[in-house]
Protein backbone atom coordinates (compact mmCIF):
# COMPACT_ATOMS: atom_id res chain seq x y z
CA MET A 1 153.49 126.52 59.21
CA GLU A 2 152.26 129.70 60.89
CA ALA A 3 153.37 132.89 59.16
CA LYS A 4 155.87 134.99 61.07
CA LYS A 5 154.45 138.11 62.64
CA ARG A 6 155.74 141.50 61.52
CA LYS A 7 157.07 143.43 64.48
CA ILE A 8 156.04 147.07 64.44
CA ILE A 9 156.46 150.26 66.41
CA LEU A 10 153.52 152.65 66.28
CA ASP A 11 154.20 156.36 66.46
CA VAL A 12 150.95 158.28 67.11
CA ASP A 13 149.33 161.56 68.08
CA THR A 14 146.21 159.80 69.25
CA GLY A 15 142.99 161.41 68.33
CA SER A 16 140.16 159.60 66.60
CA ASP A 17 141.83 158.08 63.52
CA ASP A 18 144.99 157.09 65.41
CA ALA A 19 142.74 155.29 67.90
CA LEU A 20 141.17 153.18 65.16
CA ALA A 21 144.61 152.46 63.68
CA ILE A 22 145.87 151.24 67.07
CA MET A 23 142.78 149.07 67.48
CA ALA A 24 143.16 147.58 64.00
CA ALA A 25 146.80 146.73 64.70
CA LEU A 26 145.96 145.14 68.06
CA LEU A 27 143.29 142.97 66.42
CA SER A 28 145.55 141.78 63.59
CA PRO A 29 147.37 138.54 64.47
CA GLU A 30 149.80 139.19 61.61
CA LEU A 31 151.32 142.07 63.61
CA GLU A 32 153.17 142.31 66.91
CA ILE A 33 153.35 145.77 68.48
CA VAL A 34 156.65 146.28 70.30
CA GLY A 35 155.77 149.71 71.64
CA ILE A 36 153.65 152.80 70.99
CA CYS A 37 155.28 156.24 71.06
CA THR A 38 153.24 159.43 71.40
CA VAL A 39 153.89 162.90 70.05
CA ASN A 40 152.43 166.39 69.93
CA GLY A 41 150.15 166.71 66.92
CA ASN A 42 146.36 166.41 66.85
CA ARG A 43 146.51 167.53 70.48
CA PRO A 44 149.36 168.30 72.92
CA VAL A 45 151.41 165.27 73.92
CA GLU A 46 149.87 164.95 77.38
CA PHE A 47 146.49 164.32 75.72
CA THR A 48 147.80 162.05 72.96
CA THR A 49 149.61 159.96 75.58
CA GLU A 50 146.57 159.63 77.85
CA ASN A 51 144.36 158.82 74.85
CA THR A 52 146.72 156.07 73.73
CA LEU A 53 146.61 154.52 77.21
CA ARG A 54 142.81 154.73 77.21
CA VAL A 55 142.59 152.86 73.90
CA LEU A 56 144.87 150.09 75.20
CA GLU A 57 142.71 149.67 78.28
CA LEU A 58 139.56 149.53 76.15
CA MET A 59 141.21 146.74 74.17
CA LYS A 60 142.50 145.02 77.35
CA GLN A 61 146.10 145.20 76.11
CA ASP A 62 149.28 145.99 78.01
CA ILE A 63 151.86 147.40 75.60
CA PRO A 64 154.57 149.94 76.50
CA VAL A 65 153.55 153.53 75.77
CA ILE A 66 156.45 155.94 75.53
CA ARG A 67 155.85 159.66 75.71
CA GLY A 68 157.62 161.66 73.02
CA CYS A 69 158.25 165.26 72.05
CA ALA A 70 155.98 168.05 73.22
CA THR A 71 156.99 170.44 70.44
CA PRO A 72 158.35 170.27 66.89
CA ILE A 73 162.08 170.60 66.27
CA VAL A 74 162.08 174.23 65.08
CA ALA A 75 158.63 174.96 63.63
CA THR A 76 157.32 176.86 66.65
CA LEU A 77 160.17 179.36 66.32
CA ASP A 78 158.40 180.86 63.29
CA PRO A 79 155.22 182.67 64.45
CA LEU A 80 153.83 182.68 60.90
CA ARG A 81 153.52 178.91 60.99
CA LYS A 82 151.25 179.08 64.03
CA MET A 83 149.12 181.74 62.37
CA ARG A 84 148.50 179.53 59.35
CA GLN A 85 147.63 176.39 61.35
CA ARG A 86 144.05 175.16 61.09
CA SER A 87 142.03 174.50 64.22
CA ASN A 88 140.71 171.08 65.22
CA ASP A 89 137.51 172.72 66.45
CA GLY A 90 134.54 174.44 64.83
CA VAL A 91 130.81 175.14 65.09
CA ASN A 92 128.28 173.71 62.64
CA ALA A 93 125.16 175.37 61.25
CA GLU A 94 123.11 174.17 64.24
CA GLY A 95 125.48 175.88 66.66
CA GLU A 96 126.96 172.57 67.81
CA LYS A 97 130.65 172.39 68.61
CA VAL A 98 132.43 169.90 66.38
CA THR A 99 135.98 168.54 66.35
CA TYR A 100 138.11 166.01 64.52
CA HIS A 101 139.90 165.12 67.74
CA ALA A 102 138.57 165.80 71.22
CA GLU A 103 141.22 166.58 73.83
CA TYR A 104 140.30 163.36 75.57
CA LEU A 105 138.76 160.37 73.85
CA PRO A 106 135.34 159.46 75.34
CA LEU A 107 136.75 156.53 77.30
CA PRO A 108 137.43 156.02 81.03
CA PRO A 109 140.66 157.63 82.30
CA ALA A 110 143.64 155.33 82.01
CA THR A 111 144.79 153.53 85.13
CA LYS A 112 148.31 153.02 83.76
CA LYS A 113 151.10 155.45 82.96
CA PRO A 114 153.62 155.76 80.13
CA LEU A 115 156.92 153.93 80.49
CA PRO A 116 158.91 155.74 83.22
CA GLY A 117 162.50 156.88 83.08
CA THR A 118 162.75 157.40 79.33
CA ASN A 119 161.38 159.31 76.36
CA ALA A 120 160.58 158.31 72.79
CA VAL A 121 163.89 159.53 71.34
CA CYS A 122 166.01 157.50 73.77
CA TRP A 123 163.63 154.53 73.62
CA TYR A 124 163.81 154.46 69.82
CA ILE A 125 167.60 154.43 69.87
CA ASP A 126 167.82 151.76 72.55
CA THR A 127 165.12 149.53 71.01
CA LEU A 128 166.35 149.70 67.43
CA MET A 129 170.05 149.41 68.23
CA ASN A 130 169.39 146.28 70.31
CA ALA A 131 166.75 144.69 68.09
CA LYS A 132 167.35 140.98 67.42
CA GLU A 133 165.34 141.18 64.21
CA ASN A 134 164.26 143.99 61.94
CA LEU A 135 161.21 146.07 62.76
CA ASN A 136 158.72 148.11 60.76
CA LEU A 137 157.72 151.61 61.81
CA VAL A 138 154.22 153.01 61.35
CA LEU A 139 154.39 156.76 61.92
CA THR A 140 150.97 158.45 61.85
CA GLY A 141 151.78 161.79 63.49
CA PRO A 142 154.45 164.46 63.08
CA LEU A 143 157.86 162.84 62.69
CA THR A 144 159.64 164.86 65.38
CA TYR A 145 161.23 162.28 67.58
CA PHE A 146 162.13 159.68 64.99
CA ALA A 147 163.97 162.47 63.18
CA LEU A 148 165.75 163.40 66.42
CA ALA A 149 166.59 159.76 67.15
CA TYR A 150 168.01 159.33 63.65
CA ARG A 151 170.07 162.51 63.97
CA ALA A 152 171.45 161.30 67.30
CA GLU A 153 172.17 157.74 66.10
CA PRO A 154 171.97 157.19 62.32
CA ASP A 155 172.66 153.46 62.72
CA ILE A 156 169.15 152.87 64.09
CA VAL A 157 167.89 152.44 60.52
CA LYS A 158 170.02 149.32 60.05
CA ASN A 159 167.35 147.37 61.93
CA VAL A 160 164.35 148.87 60.10
CA ASP A 161 162.75 147.11 57.12
CA GLU A 162 160.19 149.75 56.17
CA ILE A 163 158.78 153.02 57.43
CA ILE A 164 155.13 153.70 56.64
CA ILE A 165 154.11 157.31 57.24
CA MET A 166 150.72 158.98 57.05
CA SER A 167 152.06 162.14 55.54
CA GLY A 168 151.95 164.60 52.69
CA GLY A 169 149.82 165.04 49.63
CA HIS A 170 150.24 165.21 45.88
CA ASP A 171 146.93 166.70 44.72
CA GLN A 172 145.33 166.88 48.18
CA ARG A 173 146.23 169.08 51.16
CA ASN A 174 144.47 170.08 54.37
CA SER A 175 146.45 172.36 56.73
CA THR A 176 147.23 174.99 54.10
CA ALA A 177 146.95 175.29 50.33
CA ALA A 178 150.37 173.62 50.16
CA SER A 179 150.62 171.22 53.08
CA GLU A 180 149.24 168.18 54.87
CA TYR A 181 148.86 168.47 58.64
CA ASN A 182 151.53 166.06 59.89
CA VAL A 183 154.15 167.61 57.62
CA PHE A 184 153.08 171.17 58.37
CA ILE A 185 153.47 170.63 62.13
CA ASP A 186 157.14 169.65 61.71
CA PRO A 187 158.39 169.95 58.11
CA GLU A 188 162.06 169.82 59.12
CA ALA A 189 161.49 166.44 60.80
CA THR A 190 159.79 165.10 57.67
CA ALA A 191 162.69 166.27 55.53
CA VAL A 192 165.15 164.41 57.78
CA VAL A 193 163.16 161.16 57.75
CA LEU A 194 162.61 161.11 53.98
CA ASP A 195 166.34 160.94 53.43
CA CYS A 196 167.20 158.33 56.07
CA GLY A 197 167.84 155.65 53.44
CA VAL A 198 165.13 153.17 54.49
CA LYS A 199 162.24 152.10 52.26
CA ILE A 200 159.53 154.69 52.94
CA THR A 201 155.90 154.19 52.01
CA MET A 202 154.06 157.51 52.17
CA MET A 203 150.31 157.28 52.71
CA THR A 204 149.31 160.62 51.24
CA LEU A 205 146.02 162.44 51.55
CA ASP A 206 145.34 161.37 47.95
CA SER A 207 144.97 157.82 49.26
CA THR A 208 143.55 158.49 52.74
CA HIS A 209 140.73 160.69 51.44
CA LYS A 210 139.43 157.45 49.93
CA ALA A 211 139.81 155.56 53.24
CA ASN A 212 136.35 156.48 54.42
CA MET A 213 133.71 155.52 56.89
CA ARG A 214 130.11 156.54 56.20
CA PRO A 215 126.89 156.73 58.24
CA LYS A 216 126.05 153.14 57.26
CA HIS A 217 129.27 151.94 58.88
CA MET A 218 128.52 153.92 62.02
CA GLU A 219 125.27 151.99 62.32
CA ILE A 220 127.05 148.66 61.89
CA PHE A 221 129.33 149.47 64.82
CA ARG A 222 126.40 150.60 66.97
CA SER A 223 124.58 147.36 66.24
CA TRP A 224 127.28 145.40 68.10
CA LYS A 225 126.10 146.91 71.38
CA ASN A 226 129.51 146.58 73.00
CA PRO A 227 132.02 149.19 74.28
CA VAL A 228 134.29 148.97 71.20
CA GLY A 229 131.44 149.31 68.71
CA ASP A 230 129.93 152.22 70.64
CA PHE A 231 133.29 154.01 70.84
CA VAL A 232 134.05 153.56 67.12
CA ALA A 233 130.57 154.74 66.14
CA GLU A 234 130.92 157.84 68.33
CA GLU A 235 134.28 158.71 66.78
CA ILE A 236 132.98 158.24 63.23
CA GLU A 237 129.98 160.44 64.01
CA ALA A 238 132.26 163.17 65.37
CA ARG A 239 134.47 162.98 62.27
CA LEU A 240 131.48 163.09 59.92
CA LYS A 241 130.25 166.30 61.57
CA ALA A 242 133.73 167.84 61.61
CA TYR A 243 134.46 167.13 57.95
CA ASN A 244 131.03 168.33 56.80
CA THR A 245 131.53 171.58 58.73
CA MET A 246 135.22 172.42 58.50
CA GLN A 247 136.66 170.46 55.61
CA PRO A 248 134.02 169.40 53.05
CA LEU A 249 135.51 166.75 50.78
CA HIS A 250 134.52 165.48 47.34
CA GLU A 251 131.15 164.35 48.72
CA PRO A 252 129.27 164.92 52.00
CA ASP A 253 129.01 162.48 54.89
CA ILE A 254 132.37 160.78 54.55
CA ALA A 255 134.93 160.53 57.33
CA PRO A 256 138.50 159.64 56.32
CA ILE A 257 140.21 157.32 58.80
CA HIS A 258 143.65 158.34 57.55
CA ASP A 259 145.90 156.45 59.94
CA ALA A 260 144.08 153.12 59.76
CA LEU A 261 145.00 152.87 56.07
CA CYS A 262 148.65 152.42 57.09
CA ILE A 263 147.73 149.31 59.09
CA LEU A 264 145.43 147.87 56.43
CA TYR A 265 148.13 148.40 53.81
CA MET A 266 150.52 146.29 55.89
CA LEU A 267 147.94 143.51 55.98
CA ASP A 268 146.94 143.70 52.30
CA PRO A 269 148.84 146.13 50.04
CA THR A 270 146.15 145.80 47.33
CA VAL A 271 143.89 148.09 49.38
CA VAL A 272 146.03 150.86 47.85
CA THR A 273 145.41 150.96 44.10
CA LYS A 274 148.03 153.45 42.94
CA ILE A 275 151.65 153.70 44.10
CA ARG A 276 154.48 155.62 42.45
CA HIS A 277 158.17 155.47 43.29
CA LEU A 278 159.15 159.15 43.32
CA ARG A 279 161.50 161.75 44.66
CA CYS A 280 159.84 163.77 47.42
CA ASP A 281 161.32 166.87 49.04
CA VAL A 282 159.80 169.02 51.77
CA VAL A 283 159.49 172.78 51.51
CA CYS A 284 160.56 174.33 54.82
CA GLY A 285 159.44 177.94 55.09
CA GLY A 286 157.78 180.47 52.84
CA ILE A 287 154.36 180.44 51.23
CA ALA A 288 154.58 176.69 50.45
CA ASP A 289 155.76 175.78 53.96
CA GLY A 290 155.23 172.07 54.58
CA GLN A 291 154.60 171.14 50.97
CA THR A 292 155.65 167.64 49.90
CA LEU A 293 157.12 168.34 46.49
CA PHE A 294 156.99 165.23 44.28
CA ASP A 295 159.24 165.07 41.25
CA THR A 296 157.09 163.38 38.60
CA ARG A 297 159.45 164.04 35.69
CA HIS A 298 160.53 160.98 33.72
CA PHE A 299 164.07 162.37 33.50
CA ASN A 300 164.64 163.45 37.10
CA ASP A 301 168.16 162.83 38.35
CA ALA A 302 167.48 162.91 42.11
CA PRO A 303 167.27 159.56 43.92
CA ARG A 304 163.71 158.36 44.46
CA ASN A 305 163.07 158.18 48.19
CA VAL A 306 159.36 157.35 48.67
CA TYR A 307 156.70 154.99 47.46
CA ALA A 308 153.80 157.45 47.30
CA CYS A 309 150.34 155.92 47.76
CA LEU A 310 147.94 157.93 45.66
CA ASP A 311 144.61 156.08 45.53
CA THR A 312 142.62 153.56 47.56
CA ASP A 313 139.93 150.96 46.99
CA GLU A 314 137.37 152.60 49.25
CA GLU A 315 135.02 149.62 49.44
CA LYS A 316 137.86 147.24 50.28
CA PHE A 317 139.16 149.58 52.96
CA ALA A 318 135.76 149.85 54.63
CA THR A 319 135.09 146.10 54.43
CA MET A 320 138.50 145.28 55.89
CA LEU A 321 138.24 147.79 58.74
CA VAL A 322 134.78 146.63 59.77
CA GLU A 323 135.86 142.97 59.69
CA ILE A 324 139.04 143.60 61.69
CA LEU A 325 137.29 145.67 64.35
CA SER A 326 134.50 143.05 64.59
CA ARG A 327 137.09 140.75 66.19
CA SER A 328 136.68 142.87 69.31
CA LYS A 329 133.28 141.30 70.00
CA GLY A 330 134.98 138.62 72.03
CA LEU A 331 136.81 141.02 74.33
């Protein structure tokens, strides 16, 4: 008997790693994507929406894309937050411009448009309230519009099995000394979502910094000599340059594909090698703005609200991602 597909909603701010996550989900027969919502994050929402549509056309898929929020809930009201935000762009030692996420992915302009007559907040409420079976949410950008949808209609979570978020960090951060990027962009939204009462799996930077592609993988993708392989190789190369220049990690020439780990975890949870059930709160404001504060005490009396993923089998991640994306050869 064929296993039942898990229905998912993707919630993205499509730059390079979101693109690979979308592609991995599309190529996984275990998953059925109900819709893809876009949000301001890696780039403004007009770019993340267009990039999402471009990826779908590359993959020859027609799935509803719903444009979401252009700004965080309240974060932009505090000018200090903007001052502390890291840039996506830099210049390497050779004088070459580098970026984690280009404004537009290097793909042909999309011929289709996002779903008309709605927005991600309203679409979330309508879709989840009328769902005939439970869905899973994979949220890989700032959590702005799911937080707004939940505030407007708390009953939407009754039809959600699990929320997987690429968010936060225990020992690892990137936007500031305290915060991970997706949380820092909209910490109030993250705080709302973490207490929505649904099972939440948090894919922290501690795990995604082990979800790496390397130059050898870039060459594998190039060897396919097809549009998908060329695109993936180009994005990995851009990420390798950006991380080496602007965010050197524990070793050179590694490019974390943060968001794809959420998809691979859904397919095989053993790709994540360390998970702890913890209480997580979000610091909103002050010097630790955007920090995900994990209560690791054995005697804590606050309800545990996240399953925090803290380490990854790097080799397994890379092997899985290459194999899944290789299914595109027949497109």
